[in-house]
Each structure stands twice: as structure tokens, then as C-alpha cells.
Amino acid sequence: MRLLERVEGSVLWLSVGMGNPVAIQNLSRQAELRGVSPDRLVFARRMDDVSDHLARHGLADLFLDTFYYNAHTTASDALWAGLPVLTCQGSTFAGRVAASLLRTLDVPELITNSHSEYEQRALELALNPVLLAAIKYKLAENRMVSPLFDTALFTKHIENAYMQMWARHQAGLGPFQINVIP
């Protein structure tokens, strides 16, 4: 709500899955209690068509990741669609997923380490369209060469891991760490 107050004309776009009316009412009421018009909350329902879902990301400027439990597939979808994801890296696996995706895409400038740093960075990006455009350009360039979205390479690596597992099984060996060398 503080960001909405400070960034004129901005909206917060929220995923509501199948459309939980209680959640929508509660979020709208909380916005109003904080002096923000509920009209500035956009509730996006689930889309069955993946291409429509990905295209919708192109209408947003910045994806604000959630704390403690980061977006996983949703962040990956946003990044594939060219939408920068701002995250606050947490201390658990679930809180570090988006940071891992961003490092793989070489956009560490979208990773913050505290809630205050996260809010400041979001404000900076919202108020500086040139900086945001530069990050979007970098993301677009990097996603085409990053191993994150290289399905053929992933397939090759997972097949290699399966072959190593099968060889261990054939040799009568138990489970063990598998290392896939690029």
C-alpha cells in the first residue's frame, strides 16, 4: 500500500486463482483502510490457455515477489515472458527460489536482502522507467542464452543422471549423490 501511495497511477495486480470472494473483499477493505482506492487492486483470475497467461505478463511492469515463500513456477513464467521479478531472498529453500532464477539469468540487481531494501528497490524501479527498461532489455537478452530455459540441455543432463542411476543399480550400489557434469 505504501508503494501504491507513492507511485501515481500504479495498480497492484493480484492472482486470485479460481476467484476467492472473501480474499478479494478482505484485500479491498484493507486497501481502503490504508487510504488506497480498492479500484487500484486488479484481481486476475486463472487462465486455462498458457499463451494467454504468458501474454498477460507483458501488460505488467514489475513482478513483486512474495516474502518467505517465493513464487516458483509463477516467477519462471513471468521471467520467460520478459517481466522482471523483484524478490527478497529468504533463509529457506522456498524463500530463495526466485533469487536462484534471477542469478541464473544474471539479473542479481533484482535480488534484495531485507524488506526495506525490497521496498526501496521497487520504488526506484517504479519511478525510473529508463532503469526498468534497461533491466527488461537485459532480461530479454539473457533468457535466450541462459541454461534456465534451455530444455534441450536440461533433457541431456537429466538423461545423464538417469544413466548414472541405472549404472549404480546394475552394479548393485545403493542411492548416492549424482553429479551431472555440463
N, C-alpha and C. Protein backbone atom coordinates (compact mmCIF):
# COMPACT_ATOMS: atom_id res chain seq x y z
N MET A 1 0.83 -1.19 0.00
CA MET A 1 0.00 0.00 0.00
C MET A 1 0.87 1.25 0.00
N ARG A 2 2.03 1.18 0.69
CA ARG A 2 2.93 2.35 0.68
C ARG A 2 3.42 2.63 -0.74
N LEU A 3 3.70 1.58 -1.49
CA LEU A 3 4.15 1.78 -2.87
C LEU A 3 3.03 2.36 -3.73
N LEU A 4 1.83 1.87 -3.56
CA LEU A 4 0.71 2.41 -4.33
C LEU A 4 0.49 3.89 -4.01
N GLU A 5 0.67 4.27 -2.75
CA GLU A 5 0.53 5.68 -2.37
C GLU A 5 1.58 6.55 -3.05
N ARG A 6 2.79 6.02 -3.20
CA ARG A 6 3.91 6.82 -3.69
C ARG A 6 4.06 6.81 -5.21
N VAL A 7 3.45 5.83 -5.87
CA VAL A 7 3.60 5.73 -7.33
C VAL A 7 2.24 6.04 -7.97
N GLU A 8 2.13 7.27 -8.42
CA GLU A 8 0.87 7.74 -9.00
C GLU A 8 0.47 6.88 -10.20
N GLY A 9 -0.80 6.52 -10.24
CA GLY A 9 -1.33 5.77 -11.37
C GLY A 9 -1.02 4.28 -11.33
N SER A 10 -0.32 3.83 -10.30
CA SER A 10 0.03 2.41 -10.25
C SER A 10 -1.14 1.57 -9.74
N VAL A 11 -1.08 0.29 -10.09
CA VAL A 11 -2.05 -0.68 -9.59
C VAL A 11 -1.28 -1.90 -9.09
N LEU A 12 -1.91 -2.64 -8.20
CA LEU A 12 -1.35 -3.91 -7.73
C LEU A 12 -2.20 -5.01 -8.33
N TRP A 13 -1.55 -5.83 -9.12
CA TRP A 13 -2.22 -6.90 -9.84
C TRP A 13 -2.01 -8.17 -9.03
N LEU A 14 -3.08 -8.80 -8.59
CA LEU A 14 -3.00 -9.96 -7.72
C LEU A 14 -3.65 -11.17 -8.37
N SER A 15 -3.01 -12.31 -8.22
CA SER A 15 -3.59 -13.56 -8.71
C SER A 15 -4.59 -14.07 -7.68
N VAL A 16 -5.76 -14.40 -8.14
CA VAL A 16 -6.78 -14.93 -7.22
C VAL A 16 -7.21 -16.34 -7.61
N GLY A 17 -6.43 -17.01 -8.42
CA GLY A 17 -6.74 -18.39 -8.78
C GLY A 17 -8.15 -18.53 -9.32
N MET A 18 -8.96 -19.26 -8.59
CA MET A 18 -10.34 -19.50 -9.02
C MET A 18 -11.28 -18.39 -8.55
N GLY A 19 -10.75 -17.37 -7.90
CA GLY A 19 -11.57 -16.22 -7.52
C GLY A 19 -12.21 -16.37 -6.16
N ASN A 20 -11.43 -16.25 -5.11
CA ASN A 20 -11.93 -16.35 -3.74
C ASN A 20 -12.56 -15.03 -3.35
N PRO A 21 -13.90 -14.95 -3.26
CA PRO A 21 -14.56 -13.67 -2.98
C PRO A 21 -14.22 -13.11 -1.59
N VAL A 22 -13.97 -13.97 -0.61
CA VAL A 22 -13.61 -13.49 0.73
C VAL A 22 -12.25 -12.81 0.70
N ALA A 23 -11.30 -13.41 0.00
CA ALA A 23 -9.97 -12.81 -0.12
C ALA A 23 -10.05 -11.47 -0.83
N ILE A 24 -10.82 -11.42 -1.89
CA ILE A 24 -10.97 -10.17 -2.64
C ILE A 24 -11.58 -9.08 -1.76
N GLN A 25 -12.62 -9.42 -1.01
CA GLN A 25 -13.26 -8.46 -0.10
C GLN A 25 -12.28 -7.99 0.97
N ASN A 26 -11.54 -8.93 1.57
CA ASN A 26 -10.60 -8.57 2.64
C ASN A 26 -9.48 -7.67 2.12
N LEU A 27 -8.92 -8.01 0.98
CA LEU A 27 -7.85 -7.19 0.42
C LEU A 27 -8.35 -5.81 0.03
N SER A 28 -9.53 -5.74 -0.54
CA SER A 28 -10.12 -4.45 -0.91
C SER A 28 -10.37 -3.60 0.32
N ARG A 29 -10.89 -4.21 1.36
CA ARG A 29 -11.16 -3.48 2.60
C ARG A 29 -9.86 -2.97 3.23
N GLN A 30 -8.83 -3.80 3.23
CA GLN A 30 -7.55 -3.39 3.81
C GLN A 30 -6.92 -2.25 3.01
N ALA A 31 -7.07 -2.26 1.70
CA ALA A 31 -6.57 -1.15 0.89
C ALA A 31 -7.27 0.13 1.29
N GLU A 32 -8.58 0.06 1.38
CA GLU A 32 -9.37 1.24 1.74
C GLU A 32 -9.00 1.77 3.12
N LEU A 33 -8.78 0.87 4.08
CA LEU A 33 -8.38 1.28 5.43
C LEU A 33 -7.03 2.00 5.43
N ARG A 34 -6.23 1.73 4.41
CA ARG A 34 -4.91 2.35 4.31
C ARG A 34 -4.90 3.54 3.35
N GLY A 35 -6.09 3.98 2.96
CA GLY A 35 -6.21 5.17 2.13
C GLY A 35 -5.95 4.94 0.65
N VAL A 36 -6.01 3.69 0.21
CA VAL A 36 -5.80 3.37 -1.20
C VAL A 36 -7.12 2.87 -1.78
N SER A 37 -7.51 3.42 -2.89
CA SER A 37 -8.76 3.01 -3.53
C SER A 37 -8.69 1.52 -3.90
N PRO A 38 -9.70 0.76 -3.52
CA PRO A 38 -9.74 -0.66 -3.92
C PRO A 38 -9.73 -0.85 -5.43
N ASP A 39 -10.09 0.19 -6.18
CA ASP A 39 -10.05 0.12 -7.64
C ASP A 39 -8.63 -0.05 -8.16
N ARG A 40 -7.64 0.23 -7.31
CA ARG A 40 -6.24 0.10 -7.72
C ARG A 40 -5.72 -1.32 -7.51
N LEU A 41 -6.59 -2.20 -7.04
CA LEU A 41 -6.25 -3.63 -6.94
C LEU A 41 -6.92 -4.33 -8.11
N VAL A 42 -6.12 -5.01 -8.90
CA VAL A 42 -6.62 -5.75 -10.06
C VAL A 42 -6.52 -7.23 -9.72
N PHE A 43 -7.66 -7.91 -9.72
CA PHE A 43 -7.69 -9.32 -9.37
C PHE A 43 -7.74 -10.16 -10.65
N ALA A 44 -6.66 -10.87 -10.90
CA ALA A 44 -6.53 -11.66 -12.13
C ALA A 44 -6.89 -13.11 -11.85
N ARG A 45 -7.84 -13.60 -12.59
CA ARG A 45 -8.26 -14.99 -12.44
C ARG A 45 -7.36 -15.93 -13.25
N ARG A 46 -7.39 -17.18 -12.91
CA ARG A 46 -6.61 -18.20 -13.59
C ARG A 46 -7.04 -18.27 -15.06
N MET A 47 -6.05 -18.46 -15.93
CA MET A 47 -6.33 -18.59 -17.36
C MET A 47 -5.96 -20.00 -17.79
N ASP A 48 -6.83 -20.64 -18.53
CA ASP A 48 -6.58 -22.01 -18.98
C ASP A 48 -5.56 -22.07 -20.10
N ASP A 49 -5.56 -21.08 -20.96
CA ASP A 49 -4.65 -21.05 -22.09
C ASP A 49 -3.30 -20.48 -21.65
N VAL A 50 -2.25 -21.29 -21.72
CA VAL A 50 -0.92 -20.87 -21.27
C VAL A 50 -0.41 -19.67 -22.05
N SER A 51 -0.67 -19.62 -23.35
CA SER A 51 -0.16 -18.49 -24.14
C SER A 51 -0.85 -17.19 -23.70
N ASP A 52 -2.13 -17.25 -23.34
CA ASP A 52 -2.82 -16.06 -22.82
C ASP A 52 -2.23 -15.66 -21.47
N HIS A 53 -1.97 -16.66 -20.64
CA HIS A 53 -1.37 -16.42 -19.32
C HIS A 53 -0.01 -15.71 -19.46
N LEU A 54 0.83 -16.22 -20.36
CA LEU A 54 2.15 -15.61 -20.55
C LEU A 54 2.04 -14.23 -21.19
N ALA A 55 1.12 -14.07 -22.13
CA ALA A 55 0.94 -12.77 -22.79
C ALA A 55 0.49 -11.71 -21.79
N ARG A 56 -0.32 -12.10 -20.85
CA ARG A 56 -0.82 -11.16 -19.84
C ARG A 56 0.33 -10.54 -19.05
N HIS A 57 1.42 -11.28 -18.87
CA HIS A 57 2.57 -10.74 -18.15
C HIS A 57 3.17 -9.52 -18.84
N GLY A 58 3.00 -9.45 -20.15
CA GLY A 58 3.52 -8.32 -20.90
C GLY A 58 2.83 -7.01 -20.59
N LEU A 59 1.70 -7.07 -19.91
CA LEU A 59 0.96 -5.86 -19.55
C LEU A 59 1.45 -5.25 -18.24
N ALA A 60 2.26 -5.99 -17.51
CA ALA A 60 2.77 -5.52 -16.21
C ALA A 60 4.17 -4.93 -16.39
N ASP A 61 4.56 -4.11 -15.43
CA ASP A 61 5.89 -3.50 -15.45
C ASP A 61 6.88 -4.26 -14.57
N LEU A 62 6.41 -4.72 -13.41
CA LEU A 62 7.29 -5.33 -12.43
C LEU A 62 6.51 -6.34 -11.61
N PHE A 63 7.10 -7.51 -11.41
CA PHE A 63 6.51 -8.57 -10.60
C PHE A 63 7.08 -8.44 -9.20
N LEU A 64 6.22 -8.20 -8.23
CA LEU A 64 6.66 -8.10 -6.83
C LEU A 64 6.48 -9.47 -6.18
N ASP A 65 7.59 -10.12 -5.92
CA ASP A 65 7.56 -11.46 -5.34
C ASP A 65 7.11 -11.40 -3.88
N THR A 66 6.59 -12.50 -3.39
CA THR A 66 6.14 -12.57 -2.00
C THR A 66 7.29 -12.95 -1.08
N PHE A 67 7.16 -12.53 0.18
CA PHE A 67 8.18 -12.84 1.18
C PHE A 67 7.97 -14.25 1.73
N TYR A 68 9.04 -14.77 2.25
CA TYR A 68 9.08 -16.05 2.97
C TYR A 68 8.85 -17.25 2.07
N TYR A 69 7.88 -17.18 1.19
CA TYR A 69 7.63 -18.25 0.23
C TYR A 69 7.55 -17.58 -1.14
N ASN A 70 8.66 -17.69 -1.89
CA ASN A 70 8.74 -17.03 -3.20
C ASN A 70 7.86 -17.72 -4.23
N ALA A 71 7.60 -16.98 -5.29
CA ALA A 71 6.96 -17.57 -6.46
C ALA A 71 7.93 -18.59 -7.05
N HIS A 72 7.40 -19.67 -7.54
CA HIS A 72 8.23 -20.70 -8.15
C HIS A 72 7.94 -20.73 -9.65
N THR A 73 6.97 -21.52 -10.07
CA THR A 73 6.60 -21.58 -11.48
C THR A 73 6.09 -20.23 -11.96
N THR A 74 5.39 -19.52 -11.10
CA THR A 74 4.85 -18.21 -11.48
C THR A 74 5.98 -17.24 -11.81
N ALA A 75 7.05 -17.26 -11.02
CA ALA A 75 8.22 -16.40 -11.30
C ALA A 75 8.89 -16.82 -12.60
N SER A 76 9.01 -18.11 -12.80
CA SER A 76 9.62 -18.62 -14.02
C SER A 76 8.80 -18.19 -15.24
N ASP A 77 7.48 -18.29 -15.14
CA ASP A 77 6.60 -17.84 -16.24
C ASP A 77 6.80 -16.35 -16.51
N ALA A 78 6.83 -15.56 -15.44
CA ALA A 78 6.99 -14.11 -15.60
C ALA A 78 8.32 -13.79 -16.28
N LEU A 79 9.39 -14.43 -15.84
CA LEU A 79 10.71 -14.17 -16.42
C LEU A 79 10.75 -14.60 -17.88
N TRP A 80 10.16 -15.74 -18.21
CA TRP A 80 10.12 -16.18 -19.60
C TRP A 80 9.38 -15.17 -20.47
N ALA A 81 8.33 -14.57 -19.90
CA ALA A 81 7.54 -13.58 -20.63
C ALA A 81 8.22 -12.21 -20.67
N GLY A 82 9.38 -12.07 -20.02
CA GLY A 82 10.12 -10.81 -20.04
C GLY A 82 9.76 -9.85 -18.93
N LEU A 83 9.03 -10.31 -17.93
CA LEU A 83 8.62 -9.46 -16.82
C LEU A 83 9.63 -9.58 -15.68
N PRO A 84 10.31 -8.49 -15.32
CA PRO A 84 11.27 -8.55 -14.21
C PRO A 84 10.58 -8.92 -12.90
N VAL A 85 11.25 -9.78 -12.15
CA VAL A 85 10.75 -10.23 -10.84
C VAL A 85 11.66 -9.65 -9.77
N LEU A 86 11.08 -8.84 -8.88
CA LEU A 86 11.82 -8.31 -7.74
C LEU A 86 11.57 -9.23 -6.56
N THR A 87 12.63 -9.70 -5.91
CA THR A 87 12.47 -10.63 -4.80
C THR A 87 13.30 -10.19 -3.60
N CYS A 88 12.88 -10.68 -2.44
CA CYS A 88 13.65 -10.54 -1.20
C CYS A 88 14.07 -11.94 -0.81
N GLN A 89 15.35 -12.20 -0.91
CA GLN A 89 15.86 -13.55 -0.66
C GLN A 89 15.64 -13.93 0.80
N GLY A 90 15.08 -15.11 1.01
CA GLY A 90 14.82 -15.61 2.35
C GLY A 90 15.89 -16.58 2.82
N SER A 91 15.61 -17.22 3.94
CA SER A 91 16.60 -18.12 4.53
C SER A 91 16.28 -19.60 4.32
N THR A 92 15.14 -19.90 3.68
CA THR A 92 14.78 -21.29 3.42
C THR A 92 14.74 -21.52 1.91
N PHE A 93 14.68 -22.79 1.54
CA PHE A 93 14.59 -23.12 0.11
C PHE A 93 13.45 -22.36 -0.55
N ALA A 94 12.27 -22.41 0.07
CA ALA A 94 11.08 -21.77 -0.51
C ALA A 94 11.25 -20.26 -0.64
N GLY A 95 12.11 -19.68 0.16
CA GLY A 95 12.35 -18.24 0.13
C GLY A 95 13.53 -17.83 -0.73
N ARG A 96 14.16 -18.80 -1.39
CA ARG A 96 15.32 -18.48 -2.23
C ARG A 96 15.12 -18.85 -3.70
N VAL A 97 13.96 -19.37 -4.04
CA VAL A 97 13.73 -19.85 -5.40
C VAL A 97 13.88 -18.74 -6.44
N ALA A 98 13.19 -17.62 -6.23
CA ALA A 98 13.25 -16.53 -7.22
C ALA A 98 14.67 -15.99 -7.34
N ALA A 99 15.39 -15.89 -6.23
CA ALA A 99 16.78 -15.40 -6.28
C ALA A 99 17.63 -16.34 -7.13
N SER A 100 17.40 -17.62 -7.01
CA SER A 100 18.14 -18.60 -7.80
C SER A 100 17.84 -18.41 -9.30
N LEU A 101 16.56 -18.22 -9.63
CA LEU A 101 16.19 -17.99 -11.03
C LEU A 101 16.86 -16.73 -11.56
N LEU A 102 16.84 -15.68 -10.75
CA LEU A 102 17.42 -14.39 -11.18
C LEU A 102 18.94 -14.48 -11.34
N ARG A 103 19.60 -15.22 -10.47
CA ARG A 103 21.05 -15.40 -10.62
C ARG A 103 21.37 -16.17 -11.90
N THR A 104 20.58 -17.18 -12.20
CA THR A 104 20.79 -17.97 -13.41
C THR A 104 20.63 -17.09 -14.65
N LEU A 105 19.75 -16.11 -14.57
CA LEU A 105 19.53 -15.18 -15.69
C LEU A 105 20.45 -13.96 -15.63
N ASP A 106 21.34 -13.93 -14.65
CA ASP A 106 22.31 -12.84 -14.47
C ASP A 106 21.64 -11.47 -14.31
N VAL A 107 20.61 -11.42 -13.46
CA VAL A 107 19.99 -10.15 -13.10
C VAL A 107 19.92 -10.03 -11.56
N PRO A 108 21.10 -10.06 -10.92
CA PRO A 108 21.13 -10.00 -9.45
C PRO A 108 20.63 -8.67 -8.90
N GLU A 109 20.53 -7.66 -9.74
CA GLU A 109 20.04 -6.36 -9.28
C GLU A 109 18.57 -6.41 -8.87
N LEU A 110 17.90 -7.53 -9.15
CA LEU A 110 16.50 -7.71 -8.75
C LEU A 110 16.38 -8.53 -7.45
N ILE A 111 17.51 -8.83 -6.82
CA ILE A 111 17.51 -9.59 -5.57
C ILE A 111 17.84 -8.65 -4.42
N THR A 112 16.96 -8.61 -3.42
CA THR A 112 17.21 -7.80 -2.23
C THR A 112 17.33 -8.72 -1.02
N ASN A 113 17.81 -8.16 0.10
CA ASN A 113 18.06 -8.98 1.28
C ASN A 113 17.30 -8.53 2.51
N SER A 114 16.47 -7.52 2.39
CA SER A 114 15.64 -7.09 3.52
C SER A 114 14.36 -6.49 2.97
N HIS A 115 13.36 -6.41 3.83
CA HIS A 115 12.08 -5.84 3.39
C HIS A 115 12.22 -4.36 3.03
N SER A 116 13.04 -3.63 3.77
CA SER A 116 13.21 -2.21 3.46
C SER A 116 13.97 -2.03 2.14
N GLU A 117 14.98 -2.85 1.89
CA GLU A 117 15.71 -2.78 0.62
C GLU A 117 14.77 -3.14 -0.54
N TYR A 118 13.91 -4.12 -0.33
CA TYR A 118 12.93 -4.55 -1.33
C TYR A 118 11.99 -3.39 -1.69
N GLU A 119 11.46 -2.74 -0.67
CA GLU A 119 10.52 -1.64 -0.91
C GLU A 119 11.22 -0.48 -1.61
N GLN A 120 12.45 -0.16 -1.20
CA GLN A 120 13.20 0.92 -1.84
C GLN A 120 13.49 0.60 -3.31
N ARG A 121 13.86 -0.65 -3.57
CA ARG A 121 14.18 -1.04 -4.95
C ARG A 121 12.92 -1.01 -5.82
N ALA A 122 11.80 -1.47 -5.26
CA ALA A 122 10.53 -1.43 -6.00
C ALA A 122 10.18 0.01 -6.36
N LEU A 123 10.33 0.90 -5.40
CA LEU A 123 10.03 2.31 -5.63
C LEU A 123 10.97 2.90 -6.69
N GLU A 124 12.25 2.58 -6.57
CA GLU A 124 13.24 3.07 -7.55
C GLU A 124 12.89 2.61 -8.96
N LEU A 125 12.52 1.35 -9.11
CA LEU A 125 12.18 0.82 -10.44
C LEU A 125 10.88 1.42 -10.96
N ALA A 126 9.91 1.61 -10.07
CA ALA A 126 8.63 2.19 -10.48
C ALA A 126 8.77 3.64 -10.93
N LEU A 127 9.69 4.37 -10.32
CA LEU A 127 9.85 5.79 -10.63
C LEU A 127 10.92 6.08 -11.68
N ASN A 128 11.62 5.04 -12.12
CA ASN A 128 12.69 5.23 -13.09
C ASN A 128 12.47 4.30 -14.29
N PRO A 129 11.63 4.72 -15.24
CA PRO A 129 11.32 3.86 -16.38
C PRO A 129 12.54 3.52 -17.24
N VAL A 130 13.56 4.37 -17.26
CA VAL A 130 14.76 4.09 -18.05
C VAL A 130 15.51 2.91 -17.42
N LEU A 131 15.65 2.92 -16.11
CA LEU A 131 16.31 1.81 -15.41
C LEU A 131 15.51 0.52 -15.59
N LEU A 132 14.21 0.59 -15.45
CA LEU A 132 13.37 -0.59 -15.61
C LEU A 132 13.47 -1.13 -17.04
N ALA A 133 13.48 -0.25 -18.01
CA ALA A 133 13.62 -0.68 -19.41
C ALA A 133 14.97 -1.36 -19.64
N ALA A 134 16.02 -0.85 -19.02
CA ALA A 134 17.35 -1.46 -19.17
C ALA A 134 17.36 -2.87 -18.57
N ILE A 135 16.69 -3.04 -17.45
CA ILE A 135 16.62 -4.37 -16.83
C ILE A 135 15.79 -5.31 -17.69
N LYS A 136 14.70 -4.81 -18.26
CA LYS A 136 13.88 -5.65 -19.15
C LYS A 136 14.68 -6.07 -20.39
N TYR A 137 15.47 -5.16 -20.91
CA TYR A 137 16.31 -5.47 -22.07
C TYR A 137 17.33 -6.55 -21.70
N LYS A 138 17.99 -6.38 -20.56
CA LYS A 138 18.98 -7.35 -20.09
C LYS A 138 18.32 -8.72 -19.89
N LEU A 139 17.15 -8.73 -19.31
CA LEU A 139 16.42 -9.98 -19.09
C LEU A 139 16.08 -10.65 -20.43
N ALA A 140 15.62 -9.87 -21.38
CA ALA A 140 15.27 -10.41 -22.70
C ALA A 140 16.50 -11.02 -23.39
N GLU A 141 17.63 -10.35 -23.27
CA GLU A 141 18.86 -10.86 -23.87
C GLU A 141 19.32 -12.15 -23.17
N ASN A 142 19.30 -12.13 -21.85
CA ASN A 142 19.85 -13.25 -21.08
C ASN A 142 18.98 -14.50 -21.12
N ARG A 143 17.69 -14.32 -21.23
CA ARG A 143 16.84 -15.52 -21.18
C ARG A 143 17.05 -16.41 -22.39
N MET A 144 17.54 -15.85 -23.47
CA MET A 144 17.76 -16.65 -24.68
C MET A 144 19.06 -17.44 -24.63
N VAL A 145 19.97 -17.09 -23.73
CA VAL A 145 21.26 -17.79 -23.65
C VAL A 145 21.47 -18.47 -22.30
N SER A 146 20.57 -18.26 -21.37
CA SER A 146 20.70 -18.84 -20.04
C SER A 146 20.31 -20.32 -20.06
N PRO A 147 20.98 -21.12 -19.25
CA PRO A 147 20.56 -22.53 -19.15
C PRO A 147 19.18 -22.71 -18.50
N LEU A 148 18.66 -21.66 -17.87
CA LEU A 148 17.37 -21.76 -17.19
C LEU A 148 16.25 -22.22 -18.13
N PHE A 149 16.25 -21.71 -19.34
CA PHE A 149 15.18 -22.05 -20.28
C PHE A 149 15.67 -22.93 -21.44
N ASP A 150 16.81 -23.58 -21.27
CA ASP A 150 17.37 -24.45 -22.30
C ASP A 150 16.87 -25.88 -22.08
N THR A 151 15.74 -26.20 -22.65
CA THR A 151 15.11 -27.51 -22.45
C THR A 151 15.97 -28.64 -22.97
N ALA A 152 16.62 -28.44 -24.11
CA ALA A 152 17.46 -29.49 -24.67
C ALA A 152 18.62 -29.82 -23.73
N LEU A 153 19.24 -28.79 -23.17
CA LEU A 153 20.34 -29.02 -22.22
C LEU A 153 19.84 -29.71 -20.96
N PHE A 154 18.68 -29.27 -20.45
CA PHE A 154 18.10 -29.90 -19.27
C PHE A 154 17.83 -31.38 -19.54
N THR A 155 17.28 -31.68 -20.71
CA THR A 155 16.98 -33.06 -21.08
C THR A 155 18.25 -33.89 -21.12
N LYS A 156 19.29 -33.33 -21.71
CA LYS A 156 20.58 -34.03 -21.79
C LYS A 156 21.11 -34.31 -20.38
N HIS A 157 21.02 -33.33 -19.50
CA HIS A 157 21.53 -33.51 -18.14
C HIS A 157 20.72 -34.52 -17.34
N ILE A 158 19.41 -34.48 -17.46
CA ILE A 158 18.61 -35.43 -16.69
C ILE A 158 18.76 -36.85 -17.23
N GLU A 159 18.93 -36.99 -18.54
CA GLU A 159 19.20 -38.30 -19.10
C GLU A 159 20.53 -38.83 -18.60
N ASN A 160 21.53 -37.96 -18.49
CA ASN A 160 22.83 -38.34 -17.95
C ASN A 160 22.68 -38.83 -16.50
N ALA A 161 21.88 -38.12 -15.70
CA ALA A 161 21.66 -38.53 -14.31
C ALA A 161 20.97 -39.89 -14.26
N TYR A 162 19.97 -40.10 -15.12
CA TYR A 162 19.28 -41.40 -15.15
C TYR A 162 20.25 -42.52 -15.52
N MET A 163 21.12 -42.26 -16.47
CA MET A 163 22.11 -43.27 -16.87
C MET A 163 23.03 -43.60 -15.70
N GLN A 164 23.45 -42.58 -14.95
CA GLN A 164 24.30 -42.83 -13.79
C GLN A 164 23.55 -43.64 -12.72
N MET A 165 22.28 -43.32 -12.52
CA MET A 165 21.48 -44.07 -11.54
C MET A 165 21.35 -45.54 -11.98
N TRP A 166 21.06 -45.74 -13.26
CA TRP A 166 20.89 -47.09 -13.77
C TRP A 166 22.20 -47.88 -13.63
N ALA A 167 23.32 -47.24 -13.94
CA ALA A 167 24.63 -47.90 -13.82
C ALA A 167 24.89 -48.29 -12.36
N ARG A 168 24.55 -47.43 -11.41
CA ARG A 168 24.73 -47.76 -9.99
C ARG A 168 23.84 -48.94 -9.61
N HIS A 169 22.61 -48.93 -10.09
CA HIS A 169 21.68 -50.03 -9.80
C HIS A 169 22.22 -51.35 -10.37
N GLN A 170 22.68 -51.32 -11.63
CA GLN A 170 23.22 -52.52 -12.29
C GLN A 170 24.44 -53.05 -11.55
N ALA A 171 25.22 -52.16 -10.94
CA ALA A 171 26.42 -52.57 -10.20
C ALA A 171 26.09 -52.99 -8.76
N GLY A 172 24.80 -52.96 -8.41
CA GLY A 172 24.40 -53.36 -7.06
C GLY A 172 24.67 -52.30 -6.01
N LEU A 173 24.89 -51.08 -6.42
CA LEU A 173 25.17 -49.99 -5.49
C LEU A 173 23.88 -49.30 -5.08
N GLY A 174 23.86 -48.76 -3.90
CA GLY A 174 22.68 -48.05 -3.40
C GLY A 174 22.65 -46.61 -3.88
N PRO A 175 21.62 -45.90 -3.45
CA PRO A 175 21.49 -44.49 -3.82
C PRO A 175 22.71 -43.68 -3.36
N PHE A 176 23.07 -42.69 -4.15
CA PHE A 176 24.20 -41.83 -3.85
C PHE A 176 24.03 -40.54 -4.62
N GLN A 177 24.77 -39.54 -4.24
CA GLN A 177 24.70 -38.25 -4.93
C GLN A 177 25.12 -38.41 -6.38
N ILE A 178 24.33 -37.86 -7.28
CA ILE A 178 24.64 -37.89 -8.71
C ILE A 178 25.12 -36.50 -9.11
N ASN A 179 26.25 -36.44 -9.77
CA ASN A 179 26.77 -35.17 -10.29
C ASN A 179 26.74 -35.20 -11.79
N VAL A 180 26.03 -34.24 -12.36
CA VAL A 180 25.97 -34.13 -13.82
C VAL A 180 26.96 -33.05 -14.23
N ILE A 181 27.93 -33.45 -14.99
CA ILE A 181 28.96 -32.51 -15.44
C ILE A 181 28.50 -31.93 -16.78
N PRO A 182 28.41 -30.59 -16.87
CA PRO A 182 27.98 -29.98 -18.14
C PRO A 182 28.92 -30.34 -19.29
